[in-house]
Amino acid sequence: MLVTEDRGDVAVLRIEHGRVGALDVELLDALTGAVTASDRALVVTGSGSSFSAGVDLRRVLDGGRPYTEQLLAALSRTFRAVFDHPRPTVAAVNGHAMAGGCVLALACDLRLMSGGRIGLPELAVGVPFPTAALEIVRHALGPRAGRLLLGADSVDRERALALGVVDELTGPGELLPRAVALAAELAARSPEAYRLAKVALHRPADAAIEARAGDDAAVVDGWASDDTRLRIEAALAALARR
């Protein structure tokens, strides 16, 4: 589900969960636990052709509202754990990073990408954004957030670099070594100075997340609505026909 590899001063968290690294409660809890327990720089990556294809929508349909409530809470915990980790965090985007997978990458300090597509197609499926996810996207992308979020689209790696969604492109074989080297370079700086700078940079986003915490009740209602369930079913059926 989640494999941790020690690379000196850097811990690599590799998602190995099914064919596309779909996010479910169990994987999210494992990610949150690994991040919060670590005092080292982190590299987050996936396996195969996917970094993470986002939330496991089949589990959402099967589990109904109770599971949806657990899932959205787990998503927010994971995103915030990565976003506010005091040490450097680097996303090594090895393949498709969609929806929640894209947000997970955007929660990291820096993002490297070797292939696949990255994007935020939530609105195409009809699911609203949890507060933490939206504010992290806004922090990472600034004025470009609306282009990716409202467009509900995905982009290839060259377009992702042009839009500022990722910071650097690499070849597949170079991705992890480069990400680890970059994380180690950042980790060699003063840990306290890095932490304080990160706290200051993230303060507006964290304050907005806290101020809008009550909005997530409406988000749960949106995810659990009959209309959203029909849209999710249609999206899954379309994927099955490909």
C-alpha atoms as a PDB file:
ATOM      1  CA  MET A   1       0.000   0.000   0.000  1.00  0.00           C
ATOM      2  CA  LEU A   2       2.715   2.460   1.057  1.00  0.00           C
ATOM      3  CA  VAL A   3       6.397   1.565   0.908  1.00  0.00           C
ATOM      4  CA  THR A   4       8.956   3.633   2.827  1.00  0.00           C
ATOM      5  CA  GLU A   5      12.532   3.677   1.566  1.00  0.00           C
ATOM      6  CA  ASP A   6      15.444   5.227   3.464  1.00  0.00           C
ATOM      7  CA  ARG A   7      17.752   7.329   1.290  1.00  0.00           C
ATOM      8  CA  GLY A   8      20.112   8.859   3.834  1.00  0.00           C
ATOM      9  CA  ASP A   9      18.541  12.038   5.180  1.00  0.00           C
ATOM     10  CA  VAL A  10      15.525  11.549   2.923  1.00  0.00           C
ATOM     11  CA  ALA A  11      12.556   9.194   3.273  1.00  0.00           C
ATOM     12  CA  VAL A  12      10.854   8.093   0.058  1.00  0.00           C
ATOM     13  CA  LEU A  13       7.141   7.343   0.406  1.00  0.00           C
ATOM     14  CA  ARG A  14       6.074   5.224  -2.555  1.00  0.00           C
ATOM     15  CA  ILE A  15       2.376   4.600  -3.246  1.00  0.00           C
ATOM     16  CA  GLU A  16       1.854   0.993  -4.345  1.00  0.00           C
ATOM     17  CA  HIS A  17      -1.895   0.573  -4.115  1.00  0.00           C
ATOM     18  CA  GLY A  18      -3.681  -1.197  -6.932  1.00  0.00           C
ATOM     19  CA  ARG A  19      -3.171  -0.378 -10.575  1.00  0.00           C
ATOM     20  CA  VAL A  20      -3.444   3.416 -10.314  1.00  0.00           C
ATOM     21  CA  GLY A  21      -2.650   4.287  -6.687  1.00  0.00           C
ATOM     22  CA  ALA A  22      -6.262   5.224  -5.929  1.00  0.00           C
ATOM     23  CA  LEU A  23      -6.744   7.081  -2.659  1.00  0.00           C
ATOM     24  CA  ASP A  24      -8.934   5.383  -0.074  1.00  0.00           C
ATOM     25  CA  VAL A  25      -9.223   5.794   3.689  1.00  0.00           C
ATOM     26  CA  GLU A  26      -6.635   3.124   4.429  1.00  0.00           C
ATOM     27  CA  LEU A  27      -3.984   4.542   2.097  1.00  0.00           C
ATOM     28  CA  LEU A  28      -4.630   8.092   3.274  1.00  0.00           C
ATOM     29  CA  ASP A  29      -4.283   7.056   6.920  1.00  0.00           C
ATOM     30  CA  ALA A  30      -1.013   5.296   6.072  1.00  0.00           C
ATOM     31  CA  LEU A  31       0.286   8.414   4.314  1.00  0.00           C
ATOM     32  CA  THR A  32      -0.711  10.696   7.174  1.00  0.00           C
ATOM     33  CA  GLY A  33       0.918   8.393   9.706  1.00  0.00           C
ATOM     34  CA  ALA A  34       4.163   8.158   7.734  1.00  0.00           C
ATOM     35  CA  VAL A  35       4.391  11.909   7.201  1.00  0.00           C
ATOM     36  CA  THR A  36       3.607  12.930  10.774  1.00  0.00           C
ATOM     37  CA  ALA A  37       5.985  10.329  12.216  1.00  0.00           C
ATOM     38  CA  SER A  38       8.917  11.519  10.097  1.00  0.00           C
ATOM     39  CA  ASP A  39      11.412  14.220  11.004  1.00  0.00           C
ATOM     40  CA  ARG A  40      13.198  13.986   7.675  1.00  0.00           C
ATOM     41  CA  ALA A  41      12.828  15.419   4.208  1.00  0.00           C
ATOM     42  CA  LEU A  42      10.279  13.463   2.167  1.00  0.00           C
ATOM     43  CA  VAL A  43       9.907  12.411  -1.447  1.00  0.00           C
ATOM     44  CA  VAL A  44       6.417  11.250  -2.385  1.00  0.00           C
ATOM     45  CA  THR A  45       6.094   9.130  -5.519  1.00  0.00           C
ATOM     46  CA  GLY A  46       3.951   6.448  -7.116  1.00  0.00           C
ATOM     47  CA  SER A  47       4.542   3.235  -9.035  1.00  0.00           C
ATOM     48  CA  GLY A  48       3.983   2.029 -12.563  1.00  0.00           C
ATOM     49  CA  SER A  49       2.276   4.544 -14.817  1.00  0.00           C
ATOM     50  CA  SER A  50       0.516   6.459 -12.028  1.00  0.00           C
ATOM     51  CA  PHE A  51       1.506   8.781  -9.221  1.00  0.00           C
ATOM     52  CA  SER A  52      -2.111   8.594  -8.028  1.00  0.00           C
ATOM     53  CA  ALA A  53      -5.294   8.683 -10.097  1.00  0.00           C
ATOM     54  CA  GLY A  54      -7.192  10.261  -7.209  1.00  0.00           C
ATOM     55  CA  VAL A  55     -10.004   9.027  -5.003  1.00  0.00           C
ATOM     56  CA  ASP A  56     -11.314   5.478  -5.367  1.00  0.00           C
ATOM     57  CA  LEU A  57     -14.760   6.423  -6.693  1.00  0.00           C
ATOM     58  CA  ARG A  58     -16.047   2.853  -6.556  1.00  0.00           C
ATOM     59  CA  ARG A  59     -15.493   2.845  -2.803  1.00  0.00           C
ATOM     60  CA  VAL A  60     -17.450   6.116  -2.587  1.00  0.00           C
ATOM     61  CA  LEU A  61     -20.435   4.540  -4.344  1.00  0.00           C
ATOM     62  CA  ASP A  62     -20.260   1.310  -2.355  1.00  0.00           C
ATOM     63  CA  GLY A  63     -19.743   2.973   1.026  1.00  0.00           C
ATOM     64  CA  GLY A  64     -22.376   5.700   0.735  1.00  0.00           C
ATOM     65  CA  ARG A  65     -22.410   8.749   2.963  1.00  0.00           C
ATOM     66  CA  PRO A  66     -20.681   7.171   6.020  1.00  0.00           C
ATOM     67  CA  TYR A  67     -17.649   6.198   3.947  1.00  0.00           C
ATOM     68  CA  THR A  68     -17.692   9.529   2.099  1.00  0.00           C
ATOM     69  CA  GLU A  69     -17.500  11.407   5.419  1.00  0.00           C
ATOM     70  CA  GLN A  70     -14.520   9.283   6.505  1.00  0.00           C
ATOM     71  CA  LEU A  71     -12.824   9.708   3.139  1.00  0.00           C
ATOM     72  CA  LEU A  72     -13.114  13.492   2.990  1.00  0.00           C
ATOM     73  CA  ALA A  73     -11.828  13.836   6.550  1.00  0.00           C
ATOM     74  CA  ALA A  74      -8.908  11.526   5.714  1.00  0.00           C
ATOM     75  CA  LEU A  75      -8.142  13.490   2.537  1.00  0.00           C
ATOM     76  CA  SER A  76      -7.952  16.751   4.452  1.00  0.00           C
ATOM     77  CA  ARG A  77      -5.725  15.225   7.145  1.00  0.00           C
ATOM     78  CA  THR A  78      -3.298  13.874   4.556  1.00  0.00           C
ATOM     79  CA  PHE A  79      -3.154  17.033   2.477  1.00  0.00           C
ATOM     80  CA  ARG A  80      -2.498  19.169   5.546  1.00  0.00           C
ATOM     81  CA  ALA A  81       0.084  16.750   6.965  1.00  0.00           C
ATOM     82  CA  VAL A  82       2.077  16.945   3.735  1.00  0.00           C
ATOM     83  CA  PHE A  83       1.499  20.680   3.239  1.00  0.00           C
ATOM     84  CA  ASP A  84       2.626  21.594   6.769  1.00  0.00           C
ATOM     85  CA  HIS A  85       5.406  19.018   7.196  1.00  0.00           C
ATOM     86  CA  PRO A  86       8.236  21.123   8.658  1.00  0.00           C
ATOM     87  CA  ARG A  87      10.964  19.501   6.564  1.00  0.00           C
ATOM     88  CA  PRO A  88      11.334  19.672   2.756  1.00  0.00           C
ATOM     89  CA  THR A  89       8.848  17.718   0.651  1.00  0.00           C
ATOM     90  CA  VAL A  90       9.274  16.857  -3.026  1.00  0.00           C
ATOM     91  CA  ALA A  91       6.714  15.155  -5.259  1.00  0.00           C
ATOM     92  CA  ALA A  92       8.292  12.820  -7.821  1.00  0.00           C
ATOM     93  CA  VAL A  93       5.387  12.600 -10.259  1.00  0.00           C
ATOM     94  CA  ASN A  94       6.170   9.413 -12.165  1.00  0.00           C
ATOM     95  CA  GLY A  95       2.866   9.216 -14.063  1.00  0.00           C
ATOM     96  CA  HIS A  96      -0.749  10.289 -14.017  1.00  0.00           C
ATOM     97  CA  ALA A  97      -1.611  12.545 -11.061  1.00  0.00           C
ATOM     98  CA  MET A  98      -5.303  13.257 -11.185  1.00  0.00           C
ATOM     99  CA  ALA A  99      -7.753  14.944  -8.802  1.00  0.00           C
ATOM    100  CA  GLY A 100      -6.642  14.068  -5.253  1.00  0.00           C
ATOM    101  CA  GLY A 101      -3.356  12.783  -6.669  1.00  0.00           C
ATOM    102  CA  CYS A 102      -2.734  16.215  -8.177  1.00  0.00           C
ATOM    103  CA  VAL A 103      -3.584  17.915  -4.866  1.00  0.00           C
ATOM    104  CA  LEU A 104      -1.177  15.578  -3.065  1.00  0.00           C
ATOM    105  CA  ALA A 105       1.586  16.662  -5.429  1.00  0.00           C
ATOM    106  CA  LEU A 106       0.656  20.343  -5.051  1.00  0.00           C
ATOM    107  CA  ALA A 107       0.852  19.978  -1.258  1.00  0.00           C
ATOM    108  CA  CYS A 108       4.585  19.308  -1.595  1.00  0.00           C
ATOM    109  CA  ASP A 109       7.148  22.107  -1.633  1.00  0.00           C
ATOM    110  CA  LEU A 110       8.427  21.196  -5.110  1.00  0.00           C
ATOM    111  CA  ARG A 111       7.215  18.946  -7.913  1.00  0.00           C
ATOM    112  CA  LEU A 112       9.216  17.027 -10.512  1.00  0.00           C
ATOM    113  CA  MET A 113       7.478  15.155 -13.340  1.00  0.00           C
ATOM    114  CA  SER A 114       8.641  12.513 -15.786  1.00  0.00           C
ATOM    115  CA  GLY A 115       5.463  11.537 -17.636  1.00  0.00           C
ATOM    116  CA  GLY A 116       1.719  11.090 -17.672  1.00  0.00           C
ATOM    117  CA  ARG A 117      -0.901  13.789 -17.206  1.00  0.00           C
ATOM    118  CA  ILE A 118      -1.783  15.935 -14.219  1.00  0.00           C
ATOM    119  CA  GLY A 119      -5.002  17.778 -13.477  1.00  0.00           C
ATOM    120  CA  LEU A 120      -8.072  18.477 -11.387  1.00  0.00           C
ATOM    121  CA  PRO A 121     -11.118  16.918 -13.121  1.00  0.00           C
ATOM    122  CA  GLU A 122     -13.343  16.950 -10.017  1.00  0.00           C
ATOM    123  CA  LEU A 123     -15.900  19.368 -11.446  1.00  0.00           C
ATOM    124  CA  ALA A 124     -16.292  17.172 -14.534  1.00  0.00           C
ATOM    125  CA  VAL A 125     -17.430  14.383 -12.213  1.00  0.00           C
ATOM    126  CA  GLY A 126     -19.559  16.761 -10.163  1.00  0.00           C
ATOM    127  CA  VAL A 127     -17.754  16.572  -6.816  1.00  0.00           C
ATOM    128  CA  PRO A 128     -16.988  19.787  -4.885  1.00  0.00           C
ATOM    129  CA  PHE A 129     -13.546  20.554  -3.474  1.00  0.00           C
ATOM    130  CA  PRO A 130     -12.858  20.090   0.249  1.00  0.00           C
ATOM    131  CA  THR A 131     -11.605  23.310   1.818  1.00  0.00           C
ATOM    132  CA  ALA A 132      -8.068  22.075   2.487  1.00  0.00           C
ATOM    133  CA  ALA A 133      -7.674  20.843  -1.084  1.00  0.00           C
ATOM    134  CA  LEU A 134      -8.899  24.095  -2.610  1.00  0.00           C
ATOM    135  CA  GLU A 135      -6.680  26.316  -0.459  1.00  0.00           C
ATOM    136  CA  ILE A 136      -3.617  24.184  -1.150  1.00  0.00           C
ATOM    137  CA  VAL A 137      -4.306  24.424  -4.885  1.00  0.00           C
ATOM    138  CA  ARG A 138      -4.734  28.195  -4.538  1.00  0.00           C
ATOM    139  CA  HIS A 139      -1.456  28.456  -2.608  1.00  0.00           C
ATOM    140  CA  ALA A 140       0.491  26.366  -5.111  1.00  0.00           C
ATOM    141  CA  LEU A 141      -0.884  27.857  -8.328  1.00  0.00           C
ATOM    142  CA  GLY A 142      -1.998  31.382  -7.421  1.00  0.00           C
ATOM    143  CA  PRO A 143      -3.929  33.046 -10.290  1.00  0.00           C
ATOM    144  CA  ARG A 144      -3.524  29.884 -12.393  1.00  0.00           C
ATOM    145  CA  ALA A 145      -5.579  27.823  -9.939  1.00  0.00           C
ATOM    146  CA  GLY A 146      -8.847  28.737 -11.637  1.00  0.00           C
ATOM    147  CA  ARG A 147      -7.567  27.636 -15.042  1.00  0.00           C
ATOM    148  CA  LEU A 148      -6.856  24.100 -13.843  1.00  0.00           C
ATOM    149  CA  LEU A 149      -9.680  23.773 -11.319  1.00  0.00           C
ATOM    150  CA  LEU A 150     -12.599  25.328 -13.210  1.00  0.00           C
ATOM    151  CA  GLY A 151     -11.432  23.843 -16.497  1.00  0.00           C
ATOM    152  CA  ALA A 152     -11.642  20.374 -14.905  1.00  0.00           C
ATOM    153  CA  ASP A 153      -8.941  19.281 -17.317  1.00  0.00           C
ATOM    154  CA  SER A 154      -5.602  17.504 -17.302  1.00  0.00           C
ATOM    155  CA  VAL A 155      -2.386  18.556 -19.024  1.00  0.00           C
ATOM    156  CA  ASP A 156       0.752  16.811 -20.195  1.00  0.00           C
ATOM    157  CA  ARG A 157       4.086  17.424 -18.559  1.00  0.00           C
ATOM    158  CA  GLU A 158       5.206  20.206 -20.903  1.00  0.00           C
ATOM    159  CA  ARG A 159       1.984  22.138 -20.347  1.00  0.00           C
ATOM    160  CA  ALA A 160       2.208  21.435 -16.611  1.00  0.00           C
ATOM    161  CA  LEU A 161       5.651  23.051 -16.541  1.00  0.00           C
ATOM    162  CA  ALA A 162       4.424  26.055 -18.517  1.00  0.00           C
ATOM    163  CA  LEU A 163       1.496  26.549 -16.126  1.00  0.00           C
ATOM    164  CA  GLY A 164       3.692  26.203 -13.036  1.00  0.00           C
ATOM    165  CA  VAL A 165       1.946  23.032 -11.893  1.00  0.00           C
ATOM    166  CA  VAL A 166       5.355  21.335 -11.750  1.00  0.00           C
ATOM    167  CA  ASP A 167       8.775  22.881 -11.246  1.00  0.00           C
ATOM    168  CA  GLU A 168      11.018  20.613 -13.295  1.00  0.00           C
ATOM    169  CA  LEU A 169      10.841  17.842 -15.904  1.00  0.00           C
ATOM    170  CA  THR A 170      13.065  14.768 -15.913  1.00  0.00           C
ATOM    171  CA  GLY A 171      13.361  11.474 -17.717  1.00  0.00           C
ATOM    172  CA  PRO A 172      11.771   8.449 -16.027  1.00  0.00           C
ATOM    173  CA  GLY A 173      15.095   6.982 -14.918  1.00  0.00           C
ATOM    174  CA  GLU A 174      16.292  10.301 -13.535  1.00  0.00           C
ATOM    175  CA  LEU A 175      13.133  11.207 -11.624  1.00  0.00           C
ATOM    176  CA  LEU A 176      13.690   9.574  -8.246  1.00  0.00           C
ATOM    177  CA  PRO A 177      17.450  10.229  -8.003  1.00  0.00           C
ATOM    178  CA  ARG A 178      16.885  13.879  -8.894  1.00  0.00           C
ATOM    179  CA  ALA A 179      14.009  14.214  -6.401  1.00  0.00           C
ATOM    180  CA  VAL A 180      16.055  12.634  -3.618  1.00  0.00           C
ATOM    181  CA  ALA A 181      19.057  14.840  -4.419  1.00  0.00           C
ATOM    182  CA  LEU A 182      16.888  17.952  -4.399  1.00  0.00           C
ATOM    183  CA  ALA A 183      15.223  16.981  -1.104  1.00  0.00           C
ATOM    184  CA  ALA A 184      18.648  16.314   0.434  1.00  0.00           C
ATOM    185  CA  GLU A 185      19.920  19.684  -0.798  1.00  0.00           C
ATOM    186  CA  LEU A 186      16.990  21.462   0.841  1.00  0.00           C
ATOM    187  CA  ALA A 187      17.379  19.388   4.011  1.00  0.00           C
ATOM    188  CA  ALA A 188      21.010  20.498   4.378  1.00  0.00           C
ATOM    189  CA  ARG A 189      19.803  24.012   5.185  1.00  0.00           C
ATOM    190  CA  SER A 190      18.938  25.122   8.706  1.00  0.00           C
ATOM    191  CA  PRO A 191      15.904  23.036   9.759  1.00  0.00           C
ATOM    192  CA  GLU A 192      14.513  25.805  11.955  1.00  0.00           C
ATOM    193  CA  ALA A 193      14.970  28.507   9.327  1.00  0.00           C
ATOM    194  CA  TYR A 194      13.279  26.256   6.745  1.00  0.00           C
ATOM    195  CA  ARG A 195      10.405  25.520   9.110  1.00  0.00           C
ATOM    196  CA  LEU A 196       9.833  29.176   9.966  1.00  0.00           C
ATOM    197  CA  ALA A 197       9.900  30.206   6.312  1.00  0.00           C
ATOM    198  CA  LYS A 198       7.400  27.486   5.466  1.00  0.00           C
ATOM    199  CA  VAL A 199       5.086  28.483   8.316  1.00  0.00           C
ATOM    200  CA  ALA A 200       5.128  32.095   7.119  1.00  0.00           C
ATOM    201  CA  LEU A 201       4.505  31.148   3.489  1.00  0.00           C
ATOM    202  CA  HIS A 202       1.648  28.824   4.404  1.00  0.00           C
ATOM    203  CA  ARG A 203       0.000  31.109   6.976  1.00  0.00           C
ATOM    204  CA  PRO A 204      -2.635  32.582   4.591  1.00  0.00           C
ATOM    205  CA  ALA A 205      -3.654  29.145   3.308  1.00  0.00           C
ATOM    206  CA  ASP A 206      -3.740  27.591   6.777  1.00  0.00           C
ATOM    207  CA  ALA A 207      -5.772  30.518   8.130  1.00  0.00           C
ATOM    208  CA  ALA A 208      -8.246  30.196   5.254  1.00  0.00           C
ATOM    209  CA  ILE A 209      -8.603  26.460   5.872  1.00  0.00           C
ATOM    210  CA  GLU A 210      -9.347  27.070   9.561  1.00  0.00           C
ATOM    211  CA  ALA A 211     -11.750  29.925   8.831  1.00  0.00           C
ATOM    212  CA  ARG A 212     -13.710  27.893   6.287  1.00  0.00           C
ATOM    213  CA  ALA A 213     -13.836  24.610   8.215  1.00  0.00           C
ATOM    214  CA  GLY A 214     -17.626  24.796   8.362  1.00  0.00           C
ATOM    215  CA  ASP A 215     -17.842  24.710   4.563  1.00  0.00           C
ATOM    216  CA  ASP A 216     -16.972  21.020   4.490  1.00  0.00           C
ATOM    217  CA  ALA A 217     -20.449  20.004   5.674  1.00  0.00           C
ATOM    218  CA  ALA A 218     -21.779  21.287   2.344  1.00  0.00           C
ATOM    219  CA  VAL A 219     -18.951  19.481   0.564  1.00  0.00           C
ATOM    220  CA  VAL A 220     -20.029  16.176   2.123  1.00  0.00           C
ATOM    221  CA  ASP A 221     -23.630  16.878   1.082  1.00  0.00           C
ATOM    222  CA  GLY A 222     -22.421  17.500  -2.464  1.00  0.00           C
ATOM    223  CA  TRP A 223     -20.409  14.285  -2.636  1.00  0.00           C
ATOM    224  CA  ALA A 224     -23.293  12.248  -1.190  1.00  0.00           C
ATOM    225  CA  SER A 225     -26.069  13.735  -3.359  1.00  0.00           C
ATOM    226  CA  ASP A 226     -28.034  11.602  -5.819  1.00  0.00           C
ATOM    227  CA  ASP A 227     -26.877  13.795  -8.704  1.00  0.00           C
ATOM    228  CA  THR A 228     -23.218  13.311  -7.815  1.00  0.00           C
ATOM    229  CA  ARG A 229     -23.657   9.552  -7.468  1.00  0.00           C
ATOM    230  CA  LEU A 230     -25.165   9.432 -10.969  1.00  0.00           C
ATOM    231  CA  ARG A 231     -22.264  11.463 -12.348  1.00  0.00           C
ATOM    232  CA  ILE A 232     -19.728   9.187 -10.645  1.00  0.00           C
ATOM    233  CA  GLU A 233     -21.476   6.118 -12.062  1.00  0.00           C
ATOM    234  CA  ALA A 234     -21.351   7.662 -15.540  1.00  0.00           C
ATOM    235  CA  ALA A 235     -17.673   8.505 -15.168  1.00  0.00           C
ATOM    236  CA  LEU A 236     -16.828   4.963 -14.048  1.00  0.00           C
ATOM    237  CA  ALA A 237     -18.832   3.504 -16.925  1.00  0.00           C
ATOM    238  CA  ALA A 238     -16.953   5.720 -19.382  1.00  0.00           C
ATOM    239  CA  LEU A 239     -13.627   4.564 -17.952  1.00  0.00           C
ATOM    240  CA  ALA A 240     -14.696   0.921 -18.249  1.00  0.00           C
ATOM    241  CA  ARG A 241     -15.384   1.384 -21.957  1.00  0.00           C
ATOM    242  CA  ARG A 242     -11.899   2.671 -22.712  1.00  0.00           C
END
